Amino acid sequence: MIKNHNTRKLAVTPSHKRAMMRNMTRDLFLHEKITTTVPRAKEVVRFAEKLITKAKPADLNAKKALHGEINSKEVVKKLFEVLVPRYKERNGGYTQILKLDNRKGDGAQKAIVRLVI
């Protein structure tokens, strides 16, 4: 029996969730800010912080690992040229979640996820 103790299901299949996390993280790294619901924001923060930590050695192995996760050359380039030098001295806490009001259609609570400067 599979037990997902430490993750949220988000009402999608595992493959859809993996693709959604990759897409949202790609947009977060490109634009440095995204708007989504609170549960998705919490999952994106977990995924994005792990990727930034993987990229911190800034060597070829880290680059290959990130290409396997994100599949976007421009995002990996920005990650290594802009974000890794920015967070070189920081040991975690690269992102921030700001809660907003509820969405009009279904009442889901929205949040902004942004990279800490």
Protein backbone atom coordinates (compact mmCIF):
# COMPACT_ATOMS: atom_id res chain seq x y z
CA MET A 1 0.00 0.00 0.00
CA ILE A 2 1.40 3.39 -1.02
CA LYS A 3 1.23 6.02 1.71
CA ASN A 4 1.97 9.62 0.83
CA HIS A 5 2.75 10.90 4.31
CA ASN A 6 4.77 14.00 3.47
CA THR A 7 3.12 15.29 0.30
CA ARG A 8 -0.19 16.69 -0.83
CA LYS A 9 -2.15 14.84 -3.49
CA LEU A 10 -3.61 18.03 -5.06
CA ALA A 11 -6.37 15.97 -6.74
CA VAL A 12 -4.17 14.94 -9.68
CA THR A 13 -2.28 11.84 -10.75
CA PRO A 14 1.40 11.57 -9.78
CA SER A 15 2.60 12.18 -13.33
CA HIS A 16 0.39 15.26 -13.64
CA LYS A 17 1.65 16.53 -10.30
CA ARG A 18 5.27 16.07 -11.37
CA ALA A 19 4.63 17.97 -14.61
CA MET A 20 2.74 20.70 -12.77
CA MET A 21 5.57 21.16 -10.25
CA ARG A 22 8.12 21.39 -13.08
CA ASN A 23 6.05 23.96 -14.96
CA MET A 24 5.30 26.09 -11.91
CA THR A 25 8.92 25.99 -10.78
CA ARG A 26 10.08 26.94 -14.28
CA ASP A 27 7.76 29.96 -14.21
CA LEU A 28 8.91 30.85 -10.69
CA PHE A 29 12.56 30.85 -11.74
CA LEU A 30 11.85 32.84 -14.92
CA HIS A 31 9.55 35.50 -13.47
CA GLU A 32 10.64 35.24 -9.80
CA LYS A 33 6.97 35.41 -8.73
CA ILE A 34 3.84 33.33 -9.40
CA THR A 35 0.26 33.35 -8.11
CA THR A 36 -1.46 30.05 -7.24
CA THR A 37 -3.48 28.40 -4.47
CA VAL A 38 -1.98 27.88 -1.01
CA PRO A 39 -1.58 24.05 -1.14
CA ARG A 40 0.09 24.23 -4.56
CA ALA A 41 2.28 27.08 -3.36
CA LYS A 42 3.52 24.98 -0.44
CA GLU A 43 4.41 22.10 -2.77
CA VAL A 44 6.14 24.40 -5.28
CA VAL A 45 8.25 25.87 -2.49
CA ARG A 46 9.43 22.39 -1.47
CA PHE A 47 10.30 21.48 -5.05
CA ALA A 48 12.00 24.80 -5.91
CA GLU A 49 14.14 24.92 -2.78
CA LYS A 50 15.46 21.43 -3.46
CA LEU A 51 16.42 22.45 -7.00
CA ILE A 52 18.23 25.59 -5.85
CA THR A 53 20.13 23.53 -3.28
CA LYS A 54 21.09 21.01 -5.99
CA ALA A 55 22.39 23.85 -8.16
CA LYS A 56 24.60 25.44 -5.49
CA PRO A 57 27.76 23.45 -6.30
CA ALA A 58 27.56 25.03 -9.81
CA ASP A 59 29.41 22.18 -11.50
CA LEU A 60 28.61 19.99 -14.48
CA ASN A 61 26.87 17.32 -12.40
CA ALA A 62 24.51 19.91 -10.92
CA LYS A 63 23.77 21.25 -14.40
CA LYS A 64 22.93 17.79 -15.74
CA ALA A 65 20.73 17.03 -12.74
CA LEU A 66 18.76 20.24 -13.27
CA HIS A 67 18.38 19.64 -17.00
CA GLY A 68 16.80 16.31 -16.09
CA GLU A 69 14.35 17.97 -13.72
CA ILE A 70 13.37 21.17 -15.54
CA ASN A 71 13.97 20.55 -19.29
CA SER A 72 14.49 24.24 -20.09
CA LYS A 73 17.87 25.63 -21.11
CA GLU A 74 16.99 29.26 -20.37
CA VAL A 75 15.81 28.44 -16.85
CA VAL A 76 18.96 26.44 -16.06
CA LYS A 77 21.08 29.27 -17.47
CA LYS A 78 19.29 31.86 -15.30
CA LEU A 79 19.54 29.57 -12.30
CA PHE A 80 23.32 29.25 -12.60
CA GLU A 81 24.06 32.83 -13.65
CA VAL A 82 21.65 34.79 -11.44
CA LEU A 83 20.09 32.74 -8.65
CA VAL A 84 22.98 30.57 -7.43
CA PRO A 85 25.31 33.58 -6.90
CA ARG A 86 22.45 35.40 -5.14
CA TYR A 87 21.92 32.55 -2.66
CA LYS A 88 25.56 31.47 -2.27
CA GLU A 89 25.77 32.41 1.42
CA ARG A 90 22.18 31.41 2.26
CA ASN A 91 21.47 27.96 3.71
CA GLY A 92 17.80 27.73 2.80
CA GLY A 93 14.66 29.83 2.76
CA TYR A 94 15.01 30.96 -0.85
CA THR A 95 11.26 31.44 -1.34
CA GLN A 96 8.44 33.25 0.40
CA ILE A 97 4.68 32.63 0.44
CA LEU A 98 2.33 35.60 0.78
CA LYS A 99 -1.33 34.71 1.29
CA LEU A 100 -4.00 36.65 -0.60
CA ASP A 101 -7.79 36.74 -0.53
CA ASN A 102 -10.05 33.95 -1.76
CA ARG A 103 -10.63 33.26 -5.44
CA LYS A 104 -14.01 34.47 -6.66
CA GLY A 105 -15.10 31.32 -8.53
CA ASP A 106 -14.57 28.55 -5.99
CA GLY A 107 -13.38 30.29 -2.85
CA ALA A 108 -9.89 28.76 -2.85
CA GLN A 109 -7.32 30.81 -0.98
CA LYS A 110 -4.69 32.31 -3.30
CA ALA A 111 -1.04 32.92 -2.57
CA ILE A 112 1.96 34.57 -4.17
CA VAL A 113 5.20 32.59 -4.23
CA ARG A 114 8.28 34.69 -4.79
CA LEU A 115 12.01 34.33 -4.57
CA VAL A 116 13.67 36.16 -1.69
CA ILE A 117 16.02 38.89 -2.85
